[in-house]
C-alpha atoms as a PDB file:
ATOM      1  CA  MET A   1      96.592  23.305 -25.943  1.00  0.00           C
ATOM      2  CA  PRO A   2      94.469  22.551 -22.827  1.00  0.00           C
ATOM      3  CA  VAL A   3      93.807  18.918 -22.065  1.00  0.00           C
ATOM      4  CA  ASN A   4      90.193  17.832 -21.909  1.00  0.00           C
ATOM      5  CA  PRO A   5      89.675  16.514 -18.360  1.00  0.00           C
ATOM      6  CA  VAL A   6      87.207  13.916 -19.660  1.00  0.00           C
ATOM      7  CA  SER A   7      88.902  11.200 -21.684  1.00  0.00           C
ATOM      8  CA  VAL A   8      87.678  10.209 -25.119  1.00  0.00           C
ATOM      9  CA  VAL A   9      86.850   6.727 -23.811  1.00  0.00           C
ATOM     10  CA  ASN A  10      84.702   8.190 -21.021  1.00  0.00           C
ATOM     11  CA  GLN A  11      82.846  10.391 -23.475  1.00  0.00           C
ATOM     12  CA  VAL A  12      82.307   7.537 -25.927  1.00  0.00           C
ATOM     13  CA  THR A  13      81.137   5.251 -23.112  1.00  0.00           C
ATOM     14  CA  GLU A  14      78.570   7.798 -21.971  1.00  0.00           C
ATOM     15  CA  ARG A  15      77.331   8.444 -25.516  1.00  0.00           C
ATOM     16  CA  ILE A  16      76.858   4.753 -26.301  1.00  0.00           C
ATOM     17  CA  ARG A  17      75.304   4.026 -22.890  1.00  0.00           C
ATOM     18  CA  HIS A  18      72.788   6.824 -23.384  1.00  0.00           C
ATOM     19  CA  SER A  19      71.998   5.585 -26.902  1.00  0.00           C
ATOM     20  CA  ILE A  20      71.230   2.154 -25.469  1.00  0.00           C
ATOM     21  CA  VAL A  21      69.186   3.199 -22.445  1.00  0.00           C
ATOM     22  CA  CYS A  22      67.042   5.645 -24.451  1.00  0.00           C
ATOM     23  CA  GLY A  23      66.477   3.122 -27.239  1.00  0.00           C
ATOM     24  CA  GLU A  24      68.377   4.948 -29.966  1.00  0.00           C
ATOM     25  CA  LEU A  25      70.645   1.888 -30.233  1.00  0.00           C
ATOM     26  CA  PRO A  26      68.103  -0.943 -29.962  1.00  0.00           C
ATOM     27  CA  PRO A  27      68.693  -4.575 -28.978  1.00  0.00           C
ATOM     28  CA  GLY A  28      70.436  -6.546 -31.705  1.00  0.00           C
ATOM     29  CA  SER A  29      73.704  -6.650 -33.612  1.00  0.00           C
ATOM     30  CA  PHE A  30      75.925  -3.654 -34.267  1.00  0.00           C
ATOM     31  CA  SER A  31      79.225  -2.938 -36.009  1.00  0.00           C
ATOM     32  CA  ILE A  32      82.053  -1.317 -34.081  1.00  0.00           C
ATOM     33  CA  THR A  33      83.193   0.326 -37.311  1.00  0.00           C
ATOM     34  CA  ASP A  34      79.734   1.855 -37.825  1.00  0.00           C
ATOM     35  CA  LEU A  35      79.635   3.097 -34.224  1.00  0.00           C
ATOM     36  CA  ALA A  36      83.075   4.661 -34.590  1.00  0.00           C
ATOM     37  CA  THR A  37      82.008   6.415 -37.784  1.00  0.00           C
ATOM     38  CA  ARG A  38      78.829   7.770 -36.179  1.00  0.00           C
ATOM     39  CA  LEU A  39      80.798   9.073 -33.194  1.00  0.00           C
ATOM     40  CA  GLY A  40      83.670  10.453 -35.267  1.00  0.00           C
ATOM     41  CA  VAL A  41      86.388   8.520 -33.431  1.00  0.00           C
ATOM     42  CA  SER A  42      88.617   5.524 -34.108  1.00  0.00           C
ATOM     43  CA  HIS A  43      87.489   1.987 -33.252  1.00  0.00           C
ATOM     44  CA  ILE A  44      89.945   1.843 -30.298  1.00  0.00           C
ATOM     45  CA  PRO A  45      87.988   4.044 -27.817  1.00  0.00           C
ATOM     46  CA  VAL A  46      84.737   2.484 -29.047  1.00  0.00           C
ATOM     47  CA  ARG A  47      85.983  -1.038 -28.297  1.00  0.00           C
ATOM     48  CA  GLU A  48      87.219   0.053 -24.844  1.00  0.00           C
ATOM     49  CA  ALA A  49      83.881   1.743 -24.146  1.00  0.00           C
ATOM     50  CA  LEU A  50      82.034  -1.402 -25.184  1.00  0.00           C
ATOM     51  CA  ARG A  51      84.172  -3.503 -22.831  1.00  0.00           C
ATOM     52  CA  ARG A  52      83.000  -1.268 -19.993  1.00  0.00           C
ATOM     53  CA  LEU A  53      79.391  -1.536 -21.104  1.00  0.00           C
ATOM     54  CA  GLU A  54      79.736  -5.307 -21.322  1.00  0.00           C
ATOM     55  CA  THR A  55      80.541  -5.372 -17.588  1.00  0.00           C
ATOM     56  CA  GLU A  56      77.286  -3.422 -17.049  1.00  0.00           C
ATOM     57  CA  GLY A  57      75.329  -6.093 -18.906  1.00  0.00           C
ATOM     58  CA  LEU A  58      74.315  -3.772 -21.746  1.00  0.00           C
ATOM     59  CA  VAL A  59      76.238  -5.393 -24.603  1.00  0.00           C
ATOM     60  CA  THR A  60      77.914  -8.640 -25.576  1.00  0.00           C
ATOM     61  CA  LEU A  61      81.092  -8.381 -27.644  1.00  0.00           C
ATOM     62  CA  ARG A  62      82.101 -10.825 -30.336  1.00  0.00           C
ATOM     63  CA  PRO A  63      85.637 -11.873 -31.359  1.00  0.00           C
ATOM     64  CA  THR A  64      85.160  -9.997 -34.629  1.00  0.00           C
ATOM     65  CA  ARG A  65      84.538  -6.266 -34.857  1.00  0.00           C
ATOM     66  CA  GLY A  66      80.964  -6.374 -33.699  1.00  0.00           C
ATOM     67  CA  GLY A  67      78.648  -7.120 -30.856  1.00  0.00           C
ATOM     68  CA  GLU A  68      75.086  -7.141 -29.696  1.00  0.00           C
ATOM     69  CA  VAL A  69      72.985  -4.867 -27.522  1.00  0.00           C
ATOM     70  CA  ARG A  70      71.326  -7.128 -24.987  1.00  0.00           C
ATOM     71  CA  ALA A  71      67.559  -7.110 -24.819  1.00  0.00           C
ATOM     72  CA  MET A  72      65.901  -6.134 -21.552  1.00  0.00           C
ATOM     73  CA  ASN A  73      64.796  -9.205 -19.645  1.00  0.00           C
ATOM     74  CA  ARG A  74      63.230 -10.420 -16.399  1.00  0.00           C
ATOM     75  CA  ALA A  75      66.412 -12.086 -15.147  1.00  0.00           C
ATOM     76  CA  ASP A  76      68.295  -8.777 -15.194  1.00  0.00           C
ATOM     77  CA  VAL A  77      65.529  -6.989 -13.316  1.00  0.00           C
ATOM     78  CA  GLU A  78      65.240  -9.722 -10.696  1.00  0.00           C
ATOM     79  CA  GLY A  79      69.021  -9.865 -10.230  1.00  0.00           C
ATOM     80  CA  ILE A  80      69.410  -6.103  -9.921  1.00  0.00           C
ATOM     81  CA  TYR A  81      66.568  -5.724  -7.444  1.00  0.00           C
ATOM     82  CA  ARG A  82      67.616  -8.736  -5.374  1.00  0.00           C
ATOM     83  CA  LEU A  83      70.914  -6.951  -4.743  1.00  0.00           C
ATOM     84  CA  ARG A  84      69.321  -3.540  -4.235  1.00  0.00           C
ATOM     85  CA  LEU A  85      66.917  -4.986  -1.675  1.00  0.00           C
ATOM     86  CA  LEU A  86      69.847  -6.379   0.281  1.00  0.00           C
ATOM     87  CA  PHE A  87      71.952  -3.254  -0.071  1.00  0.00           C
ATOM     88  CA  GLU A  88      69.815  -0.118   0.063  1.00  0.00           C
ATOM     89  CA  PRO A  89      67.334  -0.519   2.961  1.00  0.00           C
ATOM     90  CA  PRO A  90      69.991  -0.613   5.717  1.00  0.00           C
ATOM     91  CA  LEU A  91      71.912   2.235   4.080  1.00  0.00           C
ATOM     92  CA  ALA A  92      68.736   4.318   3.876  1.00  0.00           C
ATOM     93  CA  ALA A  93      67.928   3.644   7.518  1.00  0.00           C
ATOM     94  CA  GLU A  94      71.427   4.696   8.550  1.00  0.00           C
ATOM     95  CA  GLY A  95      71.992   7.492   6.048  1.00  0.00           C
ATOM     96  CA  THR A  96      68.751   9.371   6.545  1.00  0.00           C
ATOM     97  CA  ALA A  97      69.430   9.619  10.282  1.00  0.00           C
ATOM     98  CA  LEU A  98      72.389  11.835   9.344  1.00  0.00           C
ATOM     99  CA  LEU A  99      70.445  14.221   7.128  1.00  0.00           C
ATOM    100  CA  THR A 100      69.979  17.849   8.154  1.00  0.00           C
ATOM    101  CA  ASP A 101      67.080  20.208   7.487  1.00  0.00           C
ATOM    102  CA  ALA A 102      69.075  21.590   4.547  1.00  0.00           C
ATOM    103  CA  ASP A 103      69.488  18.080   3.151  1.00  0.00           C
ATOM    104  CA  PHE A 104      65.756  17.465   3.345  1.00  0.00           C
ATOM    105  CA  GLU A 105      65.065  20.752   1.587  1.00  0.00           C
ATOM    106  CA  GLU A 106      67.428  19.664  -1.187  1.00  0.00           C
ATOM    107  CA  LEU A 107      65.577  16.356  -1.497  1.00  0.00           C
ATOM    108  CA  ARG A 108      62.243  18.208  -1.673  1.00  0.00           C
ATOM    109  CA  SER A 109      63.743  20.447  -4.339  1.00  0.00           C
ATOM    110  CA  LEU A 110      64.773  17.411  -6.390  1.00  0.00           C
ATOM    111  CA  LEU A 111      61.221  16.067  -6.240  1.00  0.00           C
ATOM    112  CA  ARG A 112      59.950  19.421  -7.468  1.00  0.00           C
ATOM    113  CA  GLN A 113      62.487  19.353 -10.293  1.00  0.00           C
ATOM    114  CA  SER A 114      61.308  15.890 -11.240  1.00  0.00           C
ATOM    115  CA  SER A 115      57.656  16.967 -11.278  1.00  0.00           C
ATOM    116  CA  LYS A 116      58.456  19.941 -13.539  1.00  0.00           C
ATOM    117  CA  ALA A 117      60.817  18.050 -15.866  1.00  0.00           C
ATOM    118  CA  THR A 118      59.847  18.129 -19.525  1.00  0.00           C
ATOM    119  CA  THR A 119      62.058  15.226 -20.648  1.00  0.00           C
ATOM    120  CA  VAL A 120      62.761  11.724 -19.366  1.00  0.00           C
ATOM    121  CA  ASP A 121      66.469  12.633 -19.137  1.00  0.00           C
ATOM    122  CA  GLU A 122      65.697  15.483 -16.733  1.00  0.00           C
ATOM    123  CA  ARG A 123      63.480  13.258 -14.591  1.00  0.00           C
ATOM    124  CA  MET A 124      66.087  10.505 -14.532  1.00  0.00           C
ATOM    125  CA  THR A 125      68.794  12.934 -13.387  1.00  0.00           C
ATOM    126  CA  ALA A 126      66.641  14.287 -10.551  1.00  0.00           C
ATOM    127  CA  HIS A 127      65.560  10.757  -9.605  1.00  0.00           C
ATOM    128  CA  ARG A 128      69.159   9.537  -9.374  1.00  0.00           C
ATOM    129  CA  ARG A 129      70.240  12.513  -7.265  1.00  0.00           C
ATOM    130  CA  PHE A 130      67.226  12.035  -4.977  1.00  0.00           C
ATOM    131  CA  HIS A 131      67.996   8.399  -4.230  1.00  0.00           C
ATOM    132  CA  LEU A 132      71.718   9.026  -3.806  1.00  0.00           C
ATOM    133  CA  GLY A 133      70.932  11.852  -1.393  1.00  0.00           C
ATOM    134  CA  LEU A 134      69.042   9.445   0.842  1.00  0.00           C
ATOM    135  CA  VAL A 135      71.990   7.095   1.354  1.00  0.00           C
ATOM    136  CA  ARG A 136      75.179   9.043   0.567  1.00  0.00           C
ATOM    137  CA  LYS A 137      76.047  10.076   4.129  1.00  0.00           C
ATOM    138  CA  ALA A 138      76.129   6.439   5.288  1.00  0.00           C
ATOM    139  CA  MET A 139      78.263   5.231   2.388  1.00  0.00           C
ATOM    140  CA  THR A 140      81.862   4.158   2.221  1.00  0.00           C
ATOM    141  CA  GLU A 141      83.599   4.524  -1.116  1.00  0.00           C
ATOM    142  CA  TRP A 142      82.929   0.831  -1.785  1.00  0.00           C
ATOM    143  CA  ASP A 143      79.259   1.335  -0.995  1.00  0.00           C
ATOM    144  CA  LEU A 144      79.172   4.194  -3.497  1.00  0.00           C
ATOM    145  CA  ARG A 145      80.820   2.091  -6.210  1.00  0.00           C
ATOM    146  CA  ILE A 146      78.311  -0.719  -5.721  1.00  0.00           C
ATOM    147  CA  TRP A 147      75.337   1.661  -5.564  1.00  0.00           C
ATOM    148  CA  ASP A 148      76.474   3.436  -8.727  1.00  0.00           C
ATOM    149  CA  TYR A 149      76.931   0.133 -10.549  1.00  0.00           C
ATOM    150  CA  LEU A 150      73.475  -1.162  -9.584  1.00  0.00           C
ATOM    151  CA  PHE A 151      71.698   2.135 -10.249  1.00  0.00           C
ATOM    152  CA  THR A 152      73.366   2.439 -13.648  1.00  0.00           C
ATOM    153  CA  ALA A 153      72.475  -1.164 -14.518  1.00  0.00           C
ATOM    154  CA  ASN A 154      68.873  -0.362 -13.608  1.00  0.00           C
ATOM    155  CA  GLU A 155      68.757   2.859 -15.595  1.00  0.00           C
ATOM    156  CA  ARG A 156      67.192   1.606 -18.795  1.00  0.00           C
ATOM    157  CA  TYR A 157      64.575  -0.319 -16.836  1.00  0.00           C
ATOM    158  CA  ALA A 158      63.769   2.755 -14.748  1.00  0.00           C
ATOM    159  CA  ARG A 159      63.687   4.818 -17.936  1.00  0.00           C
ATOM    160  CA  LEU A 160      61.164   2.354 -19.365  1.00  0.00           C
ATOM    161  CA  LEU A 161      59.014   2.986 -16.309  1.00  0.00           C
ATOM    162  CA  PHE A 162      59.332   6.772 -16.447  1.00  0.00           C
ATOM    163  CA  ALA A 163      58.672   6.892 -20.198  1.00  0.00           C
ATOM    164  CA  SER A 164      55.514   4.822 -19.813  1.00  0.00           C
ATOM    165  CA  HIS A 165      54.187   7.265 -17.210  1.00  0.00           C
ATOM    166  CA  VAL A 166      54.805  10.550 -19.026  1.00  0.00           C
ATOM    167  CA  GLY A 167      51.535  12.452 -19.340  1.00  0.00           C
ATOM    168  CA  SER A 168      49.529   9.795 -17.521  1.00  0.00           C
ATOM    169  CA  ASP A 169      47.917   9.432 -14.118  1.00  0.00           C
ATOM    170  CA  HIS A 170      50.799   7.112 -13.224  1.00  0.00           C
ATOM    171  CA  GLU A 171      53.190  10.081 -13.436  1.00  0.00           C
ATOM    172  CA  GLN A 172      51.363  11.890 -10.618  1.00  0.00           C
ATOM    173  CA  GLU A 173      51.120   8.635  -8.680  1.00  0.00           C
ATOM    174  CA  THR A 174      54.881   8.091  -8.938  1.00  0.00           C
ATOM    175  CA  GLN A 175      55.502  11.633  -7.726  1.00  0.00           C
ATOM    176  CA  LEU A 176      53.165  11.087  -4.775  1.00  0.00           C
ATOM    177  CA  VAL A 177      54.878   7.802  -3.900  1.00  0.00           C
ATOM    178  CA  HIS A 178      58.236   9.577  -3.688  1.00  0.00           C
ATOM    179  CA  GLU A 179      56.774  12.377  -1.564  1.00  0.00           C
ATOM    180  CA  GLN A 180      55.212   9.873   0.828  1.00  0.00           C
ATOM    181  CA  TYR A 181      58.488   7.979   0.989  1.00  0.00           C
ATOM    182  CA  LEU A 182      60.334  11.174   1.906  1.00  0.00           C
ATOM    183  CA  ASP A 183      57.716  11.913   4.600  1.00  0.00           C
ATOM    184  CA  ILE A 184      58.604   8.580   6.214  1.00  0.00           C
ATOM    185  CA  VAL A 185      62.311   9.277   5.879  1.00  0.00           C
ATOM    186  CA  GLU A 186      61.865  12.561   7.747  1.00  0.00           C
ATOM    187  CA  THR A 187      60.591  10.665  10.795  1.00  0.00           C
ATOM    188  CA  HIS A 188      64.157   9.371  11.383  1.00  0.00           C
ATOM    189  CA  GLN A 189      62.642   6.052  12.491  1.00  0.00           C
ATOM    190  CA  ALA A 190      65.053   3.436  11.178  1.00  0.00           C
ATOM    191  CA  LYS A 191      62.615   0.522  11.182  1.00  0.00           C
ATOM    192  CA  LYS A 192      59.982   2.475   9.234  1.00  0.00           C
ATOM    193  CA  ILE A 193      62.565   3.790   6.788  1.00  0.00           C
ATOM    194  CA  ARG A 194      63.941   0.332   6.114  1.00  0.00           C
ATOM    195  CA  ALA A 195      60.428  -1.026   5.505  1.00  0.00           C
ATOM    196  CA  ALA A 196      59.517   1.928   3.276  1.00  0.00           C
ATOM    197  CA  THR A 197      62.674   1.427   1.195  1.00  0.00           C
ATOM    198  CA  VAL A 198      61.866  -2.248   0.725  1.00  0.00           C
ATOM    199  CA  ALA A 199      58.307  -1.384  -0.317  1.00  0.00           C
ATOM    200  CA  HIS A 200      59.551   1.285  -2.722  1.00  0.00           C
ATOM    201  CA  LEU A 201      62.003  -1.059  -4.445  1.00  0.00           C
ATOM    202  CA  GLU A 202      59.517  -3.928  -4.613  1.00  0.00           C
ATOM    203  CA  ARG A 203      56.912  -1.609  -6.169  1.00  0.00           C
ATOM    204  CA  ASN A 204      59.353  -0.489  -8.865  1.00  0.00           C
ATOM    205  CA  GLN A 205      60.407  -4.049  -9.615  1.00  0.00           C
ATOM    206  CA  SER A 206      56.790  -5.166  -9.945  1.00  0.00           C
ATOM    207  CA  LEU A 207      55.896  -2.295 -12.295  1.00  0.00           C
ATOM    208  CA  ILE A 208      58.962  -2.870 -14.495  1.00  0.00           C
ATOM    209  CA  LEU A 209      58.295  -6.593 -14.770  1.00  0.00           C
ATOM    210  CA  ALA A 210      54.697  -5.857 -15.746  1.00  0.00           C
ATOM    211  CA  LEU A 211      55.886  -3.522 -18.511  1.00  0.00           C
ATOM    212  CA  LEU A 212      58.316  -6.131 -19.814  1.00  0.00           C
ATOM    213  CA  GLU A 213      55.530  -8.700 -19.870  1.00  0.00           C
ATOM    214  CA  GLN A 214      53.286  -6.288 -21.790  1.00  0.00           C
ATOM    215  CA  GLY A 215      56.075  -5.772 -24.331  1.00  0.00           C
ATOM    216  CA  GLU A 216      56.571  -9.521 -24.738  1.00  0.00           C
ATOM    217  CA  GLN A 217      52.853 -10.056 -25.262  1.00  0.00           C
ATOM    218  CA  ALA A 218      52.679  -7.250 -27.815  1.00  0.00           C
ATOM    219  CA  ALA A 219      55.617  -8.734 -29.717  1.00  0.00           C
ATOM    220  CA  SER A 220      54.167 -12.253 -29.821  1.00  0.00           C
END
């Protein structure tokens, strides 16, 4: 019998993470037993998956067989973007200097994929690949681990932003912002690229915080 190269724990982790970031598993309490039943596995891989997701700030485990999906909050957003603003601008300035014409065509292709995407999942995948493509050539393995951790932690906040823009004028605006950002990147001018990366991240942070505030006001 062939061995599945992806472990059960990895699969369960991805399933639960996706359920959280897309809102299928909303903030609040959950039962590990119920999750295991829904996923058709024992509680052991579910508990291990939840331990991983706890390190990502998505859940809080309890001593008993349960836990809580953490609500989205300003402190998370501000913490994530504080680190991204320290980390990504210098990597973008360095990494984009190493990009070839073929790399830029791939980045343009990812923007086209994003503009034609019919689901938030498709847009999120293209968006992640686009931003990784900008910095990957300057990264060490440790850089990649940190980037992946921060980008994953930001995923449900970015998804909130993308979902709010679907079918609106903001969707076209977001696409244009990315195209303009890539135009600056193609200049290979490190100072401009660093500044553009800072502006891009600060814009996203501001928009996400505004959406969270709108949600809080609607709930009150």
